[in-house]
Amino acid sequence: MNGQNNPRKPRIPLNHRGRRPRFFSAGGTDELMSMVLELTAELWVVKKRLYLLERVAGQSGVPLTPQIEAYELDPAEVAELDERRSLLISTVLRSLEADPVERGKMREEMESIGSPVATAEGTA
């Protein structure tokens, strides 16, 4: 008998939404800690790779650090970095996806941080 056509075969959910463990009594603290830990892990990966890249390039006779600091982005690169920033924000805020309270407002605020419009408004 083919397992694909068996109506009694249990359906396995693609993601589980069971009860999440709670470590702090104050609401939102566990989610905040998850975001901080996720962001810290992401930041460490980037810092380590940048450190290694600059060291390997320097050993190869290409001093990247001054070139990186002097580099100016073109509009396509700015757009690509904006997309990557949005993905990072989504990753950091992932723990809030199960709890709809205020997540829309928080996501808007986080996405506006560092955007050219928000930066210009903050300096005006």
PDB file of N, CA and C in Angstrom:
ATOM      1  N   MET A   1       0.848  -1.196   0.000  1.00  0.00           N
ATOM      2  CA  MET A   1       0.000   0.000   0.000  1.00  0.00           C
ATOM      3  C   MET A   1       0.884   1.247   0.000  1.00  0.00           C
ATOM      4  N   ASN A   2       0.552   2.207  -0.791  1.00  0.00           N
ATOM      5  CA  ASN A   2       1.305   3.444  -0.902  1.00  0.00           C
ATOM      6  C   ASN A   2       0.977   4.354   0.283  1.00  0.00           C
ATOM      7  N   GLY A   3       2.008   4.831   1.000  1.00  0.00           N
ATOM      8  CA  GLY A   3       1.801   5.673   2.183  1.00  0.00           C
ATOM      9  C   GLY A   3       1.207   7.031   1.843  1.00  0.00           C
ATOM     10  N   GLN A   4       1.377   7.495   0.598  1.00  0.00           N
ATOM     11  CA  GLN A   4       0.858   8.808   0.219  1.00  0.00           C
ATOM     12  C   GLN A   4      -0.660   8.800   0.075  1.00  0.00           C
ATOM     13  N   ASN A   5      -1.252   7.659  -0.258  1.00  0.00           N
ATOM     14  CA  ASN A   5      -2.689   7.586  -0.469  1.00  0.00           C
ATOM     15  C   ASN A   5      -3.433   7.065   0.748  1.00  0.00           C
ATOM     16  N   ASN A   6      -2.742   6.792   1.835  1.00  0.00           N
ATOM     17  CA  ASN A   6      -3.348   6.250   3.047  1.00  0.00           C
ATOM     18  C   ASN A   6      -4.054   7.371   3.803  1.00  0.00           C
ATOM     19  N   PRO A   7      -5.400   7.341   3.887  1.00  0.00           N
ATOM     20  CA  PRO A   7      -6.123   8.416   4.579  1.00  0.00           C
ATOM     21  C   PRO A   7      -5.902   8.391   6.091  1.00  0.00           C
ATOM     22  N   ARG A   8      -5.407   7.315   6.639  1.00  0.00           N
ATOM     23  CA  ARG A   8      -5.186   7.222   8.084  1.00  0.00           C
ATOM     24  C   ARG A   8      -3.817   7.735   8.512  1.00  0.00           C
ATOM     25  N   LYS A   9      -2.975   8.077   7.566  1.00  0.00           N
ATOM     26  CA  LYS A   9      -1.643   8.563   7.889  1.00  0.00           C
ATOM     27  C   LYS A   9      -1.765   9.914   8.597  1.00  0.00           C
ATOM     28  N   PRO A  10      -1.142  10.054   9.771  1.00  0.00           N
ATOM     29  CA  PRO A  10      -1.278  11.323  10.502  1.00  0.00           C
ATOM     30  C   PRO A  10      -0.572  12.462   9.773  1.00  0.00           C
ATOM     31  N   ARG A  11      -1.153  13.622   9.863  1.00  0.00           N
ATOM     32  CA  ARG A  11      -0.569  14.820   9.260  1.00  0.00           C
ATOM     33  C   ARG A  11       0.386  15.441  10.273  1.00  0.00           C
ATOM     34  N   ILE A  12       1.608  15.663   9.865  1.00  0.00           N
ATOM     35  CA  ILE A  12       2.607  16.251  10.745  1.00  0.00           C
ATOM     36  C   ILE A  12       2.659  17.746  10.446  1.00  0.00           C
ATOM     37  N   PRO A  13       2.427  18.588  11.468  1.00  0.00           N
ATOM     38  CA  PRO A  13       2.460  20.037  11.220  1.00  0.00           C
ATOM     39  C   PRO A  13       3.877  20.489  10.866  1.00  0.00           C
ATOM     40  N   LEU A  14       3.968  21.508  10.006  1.00  0.00           N
ATOM     41  CA  LEU A  14       5.264  22.018   9.593  1.00  0.00           C
ATOM     42  C   LEU A  14       5.943  22.825  10.688  1.00  0.00           C
ATOM     43  N   ASN A  15       5.168  23.426  11.545  1.00  0.00           N
ATOM     44  CA  ASN A  15       5.755  24.151  12.672  1.00  0.00           C
ATOM     45  C   ASN A  15       4.916  23.863  13.916  1.00  0.00           C
ATOM     46  N   HIS A  16       5.570  23.833  15.032  1.00  0.00           N
ATOM     47  CA  HIS A  16       4.844  23.550  16.262  1.00  0.00           C
ATOM     48  C   HIS A  16       4.566  24.863  16.987  1.00  0.00           C
ATOM     49  N   ARG A  17       3.423  24.952  17.539  1.00  0.00           N
ATOM     50  CA  ARG A  17       3.009  26.154  18.276  1.00  0.00           C
ATOM     51  C   ARG A  17       2.606  25.766  19.690  1.00  0.00           C
ATOM     52  N   GLY A  18       3.364  24.879  20.257  1.00  0.00           N
ATOM     53  CA  GLY A  18       3.087  24.480  21.621  1.00  0.00           C
ATOM     54  C   GLY A  18       3.407  25.602  22.594  1.00  0.00           C
ATOM     55  N   ARG A  19       3.173  25.331  23.819  1.00  0.00           N
ATOM     56  CA  ARG A  19       3.429  26.329  24.844  1.00  0.00           C
ATOM     57  C   ARG A  19       4.931  26.548  24.980  1.00  0.00           C
ATOM     58  N   ARG A  20       5.339  27.776  24.910  1.00  0.00           N
ATOM     59  CA  ARG A  20       6.756  28.122  25.026  1.00  0.00           C
ATOM     60  C   ARG A  20       7.130  28.227  26.495  1.00  0.00           C
ATOM     61  N   PRO A  21       8.338  27.819  26.829  1.00  0.00           N
ATOM     62  CA  PRO A  21       8.756  27.934  28.232  1.00  0.00           C
ATOM     63  C   PRO A  21       8.900  29.393  28.638  1.00  0.00           C
ATOM     64  N   ARG A  22       8.577  29.704  29.870  1.00  0.00           N
ATOM     65  CA  ARG A  22       8.685  31.065  30.405  1.00  0.00           C
ATOM     66  C   ARG A  22       9.730  31.059  31.511  1.00  0.00           C
ATOM     67  N   PHE A  23      10.624  32.031  31.505  1.00  0.00           N
ATOM     68  CA  PHE A  23      11.675  32.111  32.509  1.00  0.00           C
ATOM     69  C   PHE A  23      11.519  33.342  33.401  1.00  0.00           C
ATOM     70  N   PHE A  24      10.837  34.373  32.898  1.00  0.00           N
ATOM     71  CA  PHE A  24      10.638  35.608  33.657  1.00  0.00           C
ATOM     72  C   PHE A  24       9.146  35.856  33.807  1.00  0.00           C
ATOM     73  N   SER A  25       8.760  36.400  34.952  1.00  0.00           N
ATOM     74  CA  SER A  25       7.336  36.610  35.210  1.00  0.00           C
ATOM     75  C   SER A  25       6.775  37.836  34.488  1.00  0.00           C
ATOM     76  N   ALA A  26       7.592  38.861  34.261  1.00  0.00           N
ATOM     77  CA  ALA A  26       7.124  40.077  33.591  1.00  0.00           C
ATOM     78  C   ALA A  26       6.851  39.780  32.118  1.00  0.00           C
ATOM     79  N   GLY A  27       5.700  40.224  31.636  1.00  0.00           N
ATOM     80  CA  GLY A  27       5.325  40.003  30.243  1.00  0.00           C
ATOM     81  C   GLY A  27       6.302  40.641  29.279  1.00  0.00           C
ATOM     82  N   GLY A  28       6.673  39.918  28.254  1.00  0.00           N
ATOM     83  CA  GLY A  28       7.564  40.429  27.224  1.00  0.00           C
ATOM     84  C   GLY A  28       9.043  40.259  27.516  1.00  0.00           C
ATOM     85  N   THR A  29       9.396  39.943  28.743  1.00  0.00           N
ATOM     86  CA  THR A  29      10.811  39.830  29.105  1.00  0.00           C
ATOM     87  C   THR A  29      11.472  38.648  28.400  1.00  0.00           C
ATOM     88  N   ASP A  30      10.782  37.526  28.336  1.00  0.00           N
ATOM     89  CA  ASP A  30      11.350  36.366  27.634  1.00  0.00           C
ATOM     90  C   ASP A  30      11.568  36.679  26.159  1.00  0.00           C
ATOM     91  N   GLU A  31      10.605  37.348  25.538  1.00  0.00           N
ATOM     92  CA  GLU A  31      10.734  37.705  24.132  1.00  0.00           C
ATOM     93  C   GLU A  31      11.889  38.696  23.921  1.00  0.00           C
ATOM     94  N   LEU A  32      12.009  39.645  24.825  1.00  0.00           N
ATOM     95  CA  LEU A  32      13.096  40.618  24.734  1.00  0.00           C
ATOM     96  C   LEU A  32      14.446  39.923  24.868  1.00  0.00           C
ATOM     97  N   MET A  33      14.553  38.996  25.812  1.00  0.00           N
ATOM     98  CA  MET A  33      15.800  38.259  25.980  1.00  0.00           C
ATOM     99  C   MET A  33      16.113  37.434  24.731  1.00  0.00           C
ATOM    100  N   SER A  34      15.099  36.831  24.126  1.00  0.00           N
ATOM    101  CA  SER A  34      15.312  36.067  22.896  1.00  0.00           C
ATOM    102  C   SER A  34      15.838  36.977  21.790  1.00  0.00           C
ATOM    103  N   MET A  35      15.265  38.165  21.677  1.00  0.00           N
ATOM    104  CA  MET A  35      15.714  39.103  20.654  1.00  0.00           C
ATOM    105  C   MET A  35      17.162  39.520  20.902  1.00  0.00           C
ATOM    106  N   VAL A  36      17.500  39.812  22.151  1.00  0.00           N
ATOM    107  CA  VAL A  36      18.864  40.231  22.478  1.00  0.00           C
ATOM    108  C   VAL A  36      19.856  39.111  22.161  1.00  0.00           C
ATOM    109  N   LEU A  37      19.512  37.889  22.539  1.00  0.00           N
ATOM    110  CA  LEU A  37      20.406  36.770  22.270  1.00  0.00           C
ATOM    111  C   LEU A  37      20.550  36.507  20.773  1.00  0.00           C
ATOM    112  N   GLU A  38      19.460  36.600  20.042  1.00  0.00           N
ATOM    113  CA  GLU A  38      19.506  36.405  18.584  1.00  0.00           C
ATOM    114  C   GLU A  38      20.352  37.489  17.932  1.00  0.00           C
ATOM    115  N   LEU A  39      20.155  38.715  18.340  1.00  0.00           N
ATOM    116  CA  LEU A  39      20.924  39.824  17.792  1.00  0.00           C
ATOM    117  C   LEU A  39      22.406  39.685  18.136  1.00  0.00           C
ATOM    118  N   THR A  40      22.705  39.279  19.349  1.00  0.00           N
ATOM    119  CA  THR A  40      24.096  39.089  19.759  1.00  0.00           C
ATOM    120  C   THR A  40      24.771  38.002  18.923  1.00  0.00           C
ATOM    121  N   ALA A  41      24.066  36.906  18.685  1.00  0.00           N
ATOM    122  CA  ALA A  41      24.619  35.827  17.864  1.00  0.00           C
ATOM    123  C   ALA A  41      24.882  36.315  16.440  1.00  0.00           C
ATOM    124  N   GLU A  42      23.931  37.043  15.862  1.00  0.00           N
ATOM    125  CA  GLU A  42      24.100  37.574  14.510  1.00  0.00           C
ATOM    126  C   GLU A  42      25.274  38.558  14.454  1.00  0.00           C
ATOM    127  N   LEU A  43      25.358  39.427  15.438  1.00  0.00           N
ATOM    128  CA  LEU A  43      26.424  40.422  15.471  1.00  0.00           C
ATOM    129  C   LEU A  43      27.786  39.752  15.595  1.00  0.00           C
ATOM    130  N   TRP A  44      27.891  38.728  16.427  1.00  0.00           N
ATOM    131  CA  TRP A  44      29.180  38.060  16.598  1.00  0.00           C
ATOM    132  C   TRP A  44      29.637  37.414  15.289  1.00  0.00           C
ATOM    133  N   VAL A  45      28.739  36.790  14.561  1.00  0.00           N
ATOM    134  CA  VAL A  45      29.102  36.165  13.284  1.00  0.00           C
ATOM    135  C   VAL A  45      29.672  37.221  12.340  1.00  0.00           C
ATOM    136  N   VAL A  46      29.017  38.354  12.266  1.00  0.00           N
ATOM    137  CA  VAL A  46      29.468  39.419  11.364  1.00  0.00           C
ATOM    138  C   VAL A  46      30.819  39.966  11.810  1.00  0.00           C
ATOM    139  N   LYS A  47      30.972  40.218  13.100  1.00  0.00           N
ATOM    140  CA  LYS A  47      32.238  40.767  13.602  1.00  0.00           C
ATOM    141  C   LYS A  47      33.393  39.794  13.372  1.00  0.00           C
ATOM    142  N   LYS A  48      33.145  38.518  13.597  1.00  0.00           N
ATOM    143  CA  LYS A  48      34.201  37.520  13.402  1.00  0.00           C
ATOM    144  C   LYS A  48      34.599  37.431  11.932  1.00  0.00           C
ATOM    145  N   ARG A  49      33.604  37.411  11.047  1.00  0.00           N
ATOM    146  CA  ARG A  49      33.907  37.311   9.614  1.00  0.00           C
ATOM    147  C   ARG A  49      34.628  38.575   9.115  1.00  0.00           C
ATOM    148  N   LEU A  50      34.229  39.732   9.582  1.00  0.00           N
ATOM    149  CA  LEU A  50      34.899  40.962   9.168  1.00  0.00           C
ATOM    150  C   LEU A  50      36.340  40.969   9.665  1.00  0.00           C
ATOM    151  N   TYR A  51      36.549  40.558  10.892  1.00  0.00           N
ATOM    152  CA  TYR A  51      37.904  40.474  11.455  1.00  0.00           C
ATOM    153  C   TYR A  51      38.771  39.552  10.604  1.00  0.00           C
ATOM    154  N   LEU A  52      38.254  38.350  10.306  1.00  0.00           N
ATOM    155  CA  LEU A  52      39.008  37.386   9.508  1.00  0.00           C
ATOM    156  C   LEU A  52      39.265  37.901   8.099  1.00  0.00           C
ATOM    157  N   LEU A  53      38.271  38.520   7.497  1.00  0.00           N
ATOM    158  CA  LEU A  53      38.420  39.056   6.147  1.00  0.00           C
ATOM    159  C   LEU A  53      39.523  40.106   6.104  1.00  0.00           C
ATOM    160  N   GLU A  54      39.512  41.025   7.040  1.00  0.00           N
ATOM    161  CA  GLU A  54      40.521  42.076   7.054  1.00  0.00           C
ATOM    162  C   GLU A  54      41.907  41.497   7.309  1.00  0.00           C
ATOM    163  N   ARG A  55      42.021  40.498   8.178  1.00  0.00           N
ATOM    164  CA  ARG A  55      43.332  39.888   8.479  1.00  0.00           C
ATOM    165  C   ARG A  55      43.862  39.101   7.276  1.00  0.00           C
ATOM    166  N   VAL A  56      43.006  38.281   6.643  1.00  0.00           N
ATOM    167  CA  VAL A  56      43.436  37.493   5.491  1.00  0.00           C
ATOM    168  C   VAL A  56      43.840  38.423   4.345  1.00  0.00           C
ATOM    169  N   ALA A  57      43.054  39.445   4.102  1.00  0.00           N
ATOM    170  CA  ALA A  57      43.385  40.389   3.036  1.00  0.00           C
ATOM    171  C   ALA A  57      44.693  41.111   3.348  1.00  0.00           C
ATOM    172  N   GLY A  58      44.889  41.514   4.597  1.00  0.00           N
ATOM    173  CA  GLY A  58      46.129  42.190   4.983  1.00  0.00           C
ATOM    174  C   GLY A  58      47.343  41.305   4.799  1.00  0.00           C
ATOM    175  N   GLN A  59      47.207  40.018   5.136  1.00  0.00           N
ATOM    176  CA  GLN A  59      48.314  39.070   4.949  1.00  0.00           C
ATOM    177  C   GLN A  59      48.607  38.846   3.472  1.00  0.00           C
ATOM    178  N   SER A  60      47.612  39.066   2.632  1.00  0.00           N
ATOM    179  CA  SER A  60      47.783  38.916   1.187  1.00  0.00           C
ATOM    180  C   SER A  60      48.261  40.206   0.532  1.00  0.00           C
ATOM    181  N   GLY A  61      48.533  41.222   1.327  1.00  0.00           N
ATOM    182  CA  GLY A  61      49.025  42.487   0.795  1.00  0.00           C
ATOM    183  C   GLY A  61      47.942  43.469   0.393  1.00  0.00           C
ATOM    184  N   VAL A  62      46.714  43.216   0.815  1.00  0.00           N
ATOM    185  CA  VAL A  62      45.606  44.125   0.490  1.00  0.00           C
ATOM    186  C   VAL A  62      45.044  44.688   1.801  1.00  0.00           C
ATOM    187  N   PRO A  63      45.463  45.883   2.175  1.00  0.00           N
ATOM    188  CA  PRO A  63      44.958  46.466   3.425  1.00  0.00           C
ATOM    189  C   PRO A  63      43.515  46.970   3.242  1.00  0.00           C
ATOM    190  N   LEU A  64      42.544  46.157   3.621  1.00  0.00           N
ATOM    191  CA  LEU A  64      41.134  46.484   3.378  1.00  0.00           C
ATOM    192  C   LEU A  64      40.565  47.530   4.326  1.00  0.00           C
ATOM    193  N   THR A  65      41.035  47.582   5.548  1.00  0.00           N
ATOM    194  CA  THR A  65      40.412  48.458   6.543  1.00  0.00           C
ATOM    195  C   THR A  65      40.310  49.901   6.058  1.00  0.00           C
ATOM    196  N   PRO A  66      41.380  50.528   5.561  1.00  0.00           N
ATOM    197  CA  PRO A  66      41.234  51.915   5.076  1.00  0.00           C
ATOM    198  C   PRO A  66      40.302  52.031   3.871  1.00  0.00           C
ATOM    199  N   GLN A  67      40.320  51.009   2.997  1.00  0.00           N
ATOM    200  CA  GLN A  67      39.451  51.037   1.819  1.00  0.00           C
ATOM    201  C   GLN A  67      37.988  50.901   2.216  1.00  0.00           C
ATOM    202  N   ILE A  68      37.706  50.056   3.193  1.00  0.00           N
ATOM    203  CA  ILE A  68      36.330  49.881   3.681  1.00  0.00           C
ATOM    204  C   ILE A  68      35.815  51.185   4.268  1.00  0.00           C
ATOM    205  N   GLU A  69      36.650  51.845   5.060  1.00  0.00           N
ATOM    206  CA  GLU A  69      36.230  53.087   5.712  1.00  0.00           C
ATOM    207  C   GLU A  69      36.019  54.224   4.719  1.00  0.00           C
ATOM    208  N   ALA A  70      36.697  54.191   3.561  1.00  0.00           N
ATOM    209  CA  ALA A  70      36.572  55.257   2.566  1.00  0.00           C
ATOM    210  C   ALA A  70      35.535  54.954   1.490  1.00  0.00           C
ATOM    211  N   TYR A  71      34.978  53.750   1.468  1.00  0.00           N
ATOM    212  CA  TYR A  71      34.069  53.320   0.404  1.00  0.00           C
ATOM    213  C   TYR A  71      32.749  54.071   0.471  1.00  0.00           C
ATOM    214  N   GLU A  72      32.224  54.492  -0.711  1.00  0.00           N
ATOM    215  CA  GLU A  72      30.921  55.145  -0.781  1.00  0.00           C
ATOM    216  C   GLU A  72      29.962  54.251  -1.564  1.00  0.00           C
ATOM    217  N   LEU A  73      28.783  54.014  -1.008  1.00  0.00           N
ATOM    218  CA  LEU A  73      27.788  53.122  -1.607  1.00  0.00           C
ATOM    219  C   LEU A  73      27.037  53.800  -2.744  1.00  0.00           C
ATOM    220  N   ASP A  74      26.732  53.022  -3.801  1.00  0.00           N
ATOM    221  CA  ASP A  74      25.877  53.538  -4.858  1.00  0.00           C
ATOM    222  C   ASP A  74      24.422  53.199  -4.493  1.00  0.00           C
ATOM    223  N   PRO A  75      23.436  53.769  -5.206  1.00  0.00           N
ATOM    224  CA  PRO A  75      22.026  53.549  -4.854  1.00  0.00           C
ATOM    225  C   PRO A  75      21.599  52.073  -4.835  1.00  0.00           C
ATOM    226  N   ALA A  76      22.129  51.258  -5.743  1.00  0.00           N
ATOM    227  CA  ALA A  76      21.767  49.831  -5.752  1.00  0.00           C
ATOM    228  C   ALA A  76      22.284  49.136  -4.502  1.00  0.00           C
ATOM    229  N   GLU A  77      23.463  49.493  -4.070  1.00  0.00           N
ATOM    230  CA  GLU A  77      24.028  48.907  -2.846  1.00  0.00           C
ATOM    231  C   GLU A  77      23.241  49.347  -1.614  1.00  0.00           C
ATOM    232  N   VAL A  78      22.805  50.599  -1.616  1.00  0.00           N
ATOM    233  CA  VAL A  78      21.981  51.095  -0.507  1.00  0.00           C
ATOM    234  C   VAL A  78      20.687  50.296  -0.434  1.00  0.00           C
ATOM    235  N   ALA A  79      20.064  50.047  -1.592  1.00  0.00           N
ATOM    236  CA  ALA A  79      18.818  49.270  -1.635  1.00  0.00           C
ATOM    237  C   ALA A  79      19.051  47.844  -1.138  1.00  0.00           C
ATOM    238  N   GLU A  80      20.144  47.228  -1.557  1.00  0.00           N
ATOM    239  CA  GLU A  80      20.452  45.863  -1.107  1.00  0.00           C
ATOM    240  C   GLU A  80      20.670  45.824   0.400  1.00  0.00           C
ATOM    241  N   LEU A  81      21.391  46.792   0.917  1.00  0.00           N
ATOM    242  CA  LEU A  81      21.620  46.840   2.366  1.00  0.00           C
ATOM    243  C   LEU A  81      20.319  47.080   3.122  1.00  0.00           C
ATOM    244  N   ASP A  82      19.417  47.883   2.565  1.00  0.00           N
ATOM    245  CA  ASP A  82      18.105  48.090   3.196  1.00  0.00           C
ATOM    246  C   ASP A  82      17.336  46.781   3.296  1.00  0.00           C
ATOM    247  N   GLU A  83      17.389  45.972   2.234  1.00  0.00           N
ATOM    248  CA  GLU A  83      16.725  44.662   2.261  1.00  0.00           C
ATOM    249  C   GLU A  83      17.337  43.763   3.329  1.00  0.00           C
ATOM    250  N   ARG A  84      18.648  43.768   3.403  1.00  0.00           N
ATOM    251  CA  ARG A  84      19.331  42.933   4.398  1.00  0.00           C
ATOM    252  C   ARG A  84      19.024  43.398   5.820  1.00  0.00           C
ATOM    253  N   ARG A  85      18.907  44.719   6.001  1.00  0.00           N
ATOM    254  CA  ARG A  85      18.558  45.258   7.316  1.00  0.00           C
ATOM    255  C   ARG A  85      17.157  44.807   7.713  1.00  0.00           C
ATOM    256  N   SER A  86      16.220  44.823   6.765  1.00  0.00           N
ATOM    257  CA  SER A  86      14.856  44.364   7.043  1.00  0.00           C
ATOM    258  C   SER A  86      14.837  42.887   7.427  1.00  0.00           C
ATOM    259  N   LEU A  87      15.641  42.080   6.756  1.00  0.00           N
ATOM    260  CA  LEU A  87      15.722  40.660   7.095  1.00  0.00           C
ATOM    261  C   LEU A  87      16.286  40.474   8.502  1.00  0.00           C
ATOM    262  N   LEU A  88      17.290  41.246   8.848  1.00  0.00           N
ATOM    263  CA  LEU A  88      17.853  41.169  10.200  1.00  0.00           C
ATOM    264  C   LEU A  88      16.811  41.548  11.245  1.00  0.00           C
ATOM    265  N   ILE A  89      16.066  42.605  10.988  1.00  0.00           N
ATOM    266  CA  ILE A  89      15.020  43.027  11.924  1.00  0.00           C
ATOM    267  C   ILE A  89      13.968  41.936  12.074  1.00  0.00           C
ATOM    268  N   SER A  90      13.569  41.320  10.973  1.00  0.00           N
ATOM    269  CA  SER A  90      12.600  40.221  11.034  1.00  0.00           C
ATOM    270  C   SER A  90      13.130  39.073  11.873  1.00  0.00           C
ATOM    271  N   THR A  91      14.402  38.761  11.709  1.00  0.00           N
ATOM    272  CA  THR A  91      15.013  37.676  12.475  1.00  0.00           C
ATOM    273  C   THR A  91      15.024  38.012  13.960  1.00  0.00           C
ATOM    274  N   VAL A  92      15.409  39.230  14.285  1.00  0.00           N
ATOM    275  CA  VAL A  92      15.492  39.632  15.691  1.00  0.00           C
ATOM    276  C   VAL A  92      14.106  39.669  16.329  1.00  0.00           C
ATOM    277  N   LEU A  93      13.093  40.099  15.575  1.00  0.00           N
ATOM    278  CA  LEU A  93      11.738  40.205  16.124  1.00  0.00           C
ATOM    279  C   LEU A  93      10.927  38.920  15.971  1.00  0.00           C
ATOM    280  N   ARG A  94      11.547  37.844  15.504  1.00  0.00           N
ATOM    281  CA  ARG A  94      10.844  36.586  15.255  1.00  0.00           C
ATOM    282  C   ARG A  94      10.109  36.078  16.492  1.00  0.00           C
ATOM    283  N   SER A  95      10.657  36.265  17.675  1.00  0.00           N
ATOM    284  CA  SER A  95      10.015  35.740  18.881  1.00  0.00           C
ATOM    285  C   SER A  95       8.675  36.411  19.167  1.00  0.00           C
ATOM    286  N   LEU A  96       8.410  37.558  18.567  1.00  0.00           N
ATOM    287  CA  LEU A  96       7.133  38.243  18.782  1.00  0.00           C
ATOM    288  C   LEU A  96       6.047  37.780  17.831  1.00  0.00           C
ATOM    289  N   GLU A  97       6.389  36.983  16.822  1.00  0.00           N
ATOM    290  CA  GLU A  97       5.422  36.577  15.811  1.00  0.00           C
ATOM    291  C   GLU A  97       4.243  35.815  16.407  1.00  0.00           C
ATOM    292  N   ALA A  98       4.450  35.064  17.485  1.00  0.00           N
ATOM    293  CA  ALA A  98       3.359  34.293  18.087  1.00  0.00           C
ATOM    294  C   ALA A  98       2.459  35.171  18.947  1.00  0.00           C
ATOM    295  N   ASP A  99       2.920  36.345  19.329  1.00  0.00           N
ATOM    296  CA  ASP A  99       2.159  37.238  20.198  1.00  0.00           C
ATOM    297  C   ASP A  99       1.835  38.514  19.430  1.00  0.00           C
ATOM    298  N   PRO A 100       0.574  38.703  19.003  1.00  0.00           N
ATOM    299  CA  PRO A 100       0.240  39.836  18.142  1.00  0.00           C
ATOM    300  C   PRO A 100       0.183  41.192  18.859  1.00  0.00           C
ATOM    301  N   VAL A 101       0.301  41.231  20.175  1.00  0.00           N
ATOM    302  CA  VAL A 101       0.150  42.476  20.915  1.00  0.00           C
ATOM    303  C   VAL A 101       1.262  43.454  20.552  1.00  0.00           C
ATOM    304  N   GLU A 102       0.888  44.551  19.948  1.00  0.00           N
ATOM    305  CA  GLU A 102       1.785  45.659  19.627  1.00  0.00           C
ATOM    306  C   GLU A 102       2.898  45.306  18.653  1.00  0.00           C
ATOM    307  N   ARG A 103       2.878  44.121  18.032  1.00  0.00           N
ATOM    308  CA  ARG A 103       4.007  43.773  17.175  1.00  0.00           C
ATOM    309  C   ARG A 103       4.047  44.614  15.918  1.00  0.00           C
ATOM    310  N   GLY A 104       2.893  45.003  15.406  1.00  0.00           N
ATOM    311  CA  GLY A 104       2.890  45.837  14.206  1.00  0.00           C
ATOM    312  C   GLY A 104       3.546  47.182  14.449  1.00  0.00           C
ATOM    313  N   LYS A 105       3.189  47.816  15.550  1.00  0.00           N
ATOM    314  CA  LYS A 105       3.765  49.121  15.881  1.00  0.00           C
ATOM    315  C   LYS A 105       5.267  48.990  16.152  1.00  0.00           C
ATOM    316  N   MET A 106       5.658  47.935  16.882  1.00  0.00           N
ATOM    317  CA  MET A 106       7.065  47.738  17.197  1.00  0.00           C
ATOM    318  C   MET A 106       7.866  47.489  15.923  1.00  0.00           C
ATOM    319  N   ARG A 107       7.314  46.682  15.007  1.00  0.00           N
ATOM    320  CA  ARG A 107       8.010  46.393  13.757  1.00  0.00           C
ATOM    321  C   ARG A 107       8.199  47.681  12.949  1.00  0.00           C
ATOM    322  N   GLU A 108       7.166  48.536  12.874  1.00  0.00           N
ATOM    323  CA  GLU A 108       7.290  49.801  12.149  1.00  0.00           C
ATOM    324  C   GLU A 108       8.388  50.675  12.742  1.00  0.00           C
ATOM    325  N   GLU A 109       8.422  50.745  14.067  1.00  0.00           N
ATOM    326  CA  GLU A 109       9.439  51.563  14.719  1.00  0.00           C
ATOM    327  C   GLU A 109      10.838  51.030  14.468  1.00  0.00           C
ATOM    328  N   MET A 110      11.001  49.699  14.556  1.00  0.00           N
ATOM    329  CA  MET A 110      12.312  49.098  14.330  1.00  0.00           C
ATOM    330  C   MET A 110      12.752  49.275  12.879  1.00  0.00           C
ATOM    331  N   GLU A 111      11.826  49.129  11.929  1.00  0.00           N
ATOM    332  CA  GLU A 111      12.182  49.271  10.522  1.00  0.00           C
ATOM    333  C   GLU A 111      12.523  50.709  10.165  1.00  0.00           C
ATOM    334  N   SER A 112      11.966  51.669  10.888  1.00  0.00           N
ATOM    335  CA  SER A 112      12.271  53.063  10.590  1.00  0.00           C
ATOM    336  C   SER A 112      13.620  53.493  11.154  1.00  0.00           C
ATOM    337  N   ILE A 113      14.146  52.748  12.121  1.00  0.00           N
ATOM    338  CA  ILE A 113      15.442  53.086  12.699  1.00  0.00           C
ATOM    339  C   ILE A 113      16.519  52.861  11.652  1.00  0.00           C
ATOM    340  N   GLY A 114      17.269  53.865  11.379  1.00  0.00           N
ATOM    341  CA  GLY A 114      18.367  53.747  10.417  1.00  0.00           C
ATOM    342  C   GLY A 114      17.973  53.980   8.987  1.00  0.00           C
ATOM    343  N   SER A 115      16.677  54.131   8.714  1.00  0.00           N
ATOM    344  CA  SER A 115      16.302  54.412   7.331  1.00  0.00           C
ATOM    345  C   SER A 115      16.663  55.859   6.998  1.00  0.00           C
ATOM    346  N   PRO A 116      16.938  56.139   5.746  1.00  0.00           N
ATOM    347  CA  PRO A 116      17.335  57.509   5.373  1.00  0.00           C
ATOM    348  C   PRO A 116      16.302  58.554   5.788  1.00  0.00           C
ATOM    349  N   VAL A 117      15.006  58.229   5.699  1.00  0.00           N
ATOM    350  CA  VAL A 117      13.962  59.191   6.064  1.00  0.00           C
ATOM    351  C   VAL A 117      14.008  59.457   7.565  1.00  0.00           C
ATOM    352  N   ALA A 118      14.095  58.385   8.359  1.00  0.00           N
ATOM    353  CA  ALA A 118      14.117  58.537   9.819  1.00  0.00           C
ATOM    354  C   ALA A 118      15.362  59.266  10.256  1.00  0.00           C
ATOM    355  N   THR A 119      16.510  58.998   9.621  1.00  0.00           N
ATOM    356  CA  THR A 119      17.755  59.660   9.976  1.00  0.00           C
ATOM    357  C   THR A 119      17.667  61.146   9.686  1.00  0.00           C
ATOM    358  N   ALA A 120      17.104  61.508   8.529  1.00  0.00           N
ATOM    359  CA  ALA A 120      16.952  62.916   8.162  1.00  0.00           C
ATOM    360  C   ALA A 120      15.999  63.625   9.104  1.00  0.00           C
ATOM    361  N   GLU A 121      14.910  62.927   9.501  1.00  0.00           N
ATOM    362  CA  GLU A 121      13.946  63.535  10.417  1.00  0.00           C
ATOM    363  C   GLU A 121      14.570  63.740  11.789  1.00  0.00           C
ATOM    364  N   GLY A 122      15.426  62.800  12.207  1.00  0.00           N
ATOM    365  CA  GLY A 122      16.040  62.895  13.522  1.00  0.00           C
ATOM    366  C   GLY A 122      17.042  64.027  13.623  1.00  0.00           C
ATOM    367  N   THR A 123      17.636  64.434  12.491  1.00  0.00           N
ATOM    368  CA  THR A 123      18.617  65.504  12.515  1.00  0.00           C
ATOM    369  C   THR A 123      18.001  66.864  12.282  1.00  0.00           C
ATOM    370  N   ALA A 124      16.738  66.903  11.860  1.00  0.00           N
ATOM    371  CA  ALA A 124      16.093  68.187  11.567  1.00  0.00           C
ATOM    372  C   ALA A 124      15.679  68.900  12.825  1.00  0.00           C
TER     373      ALA A 124
END
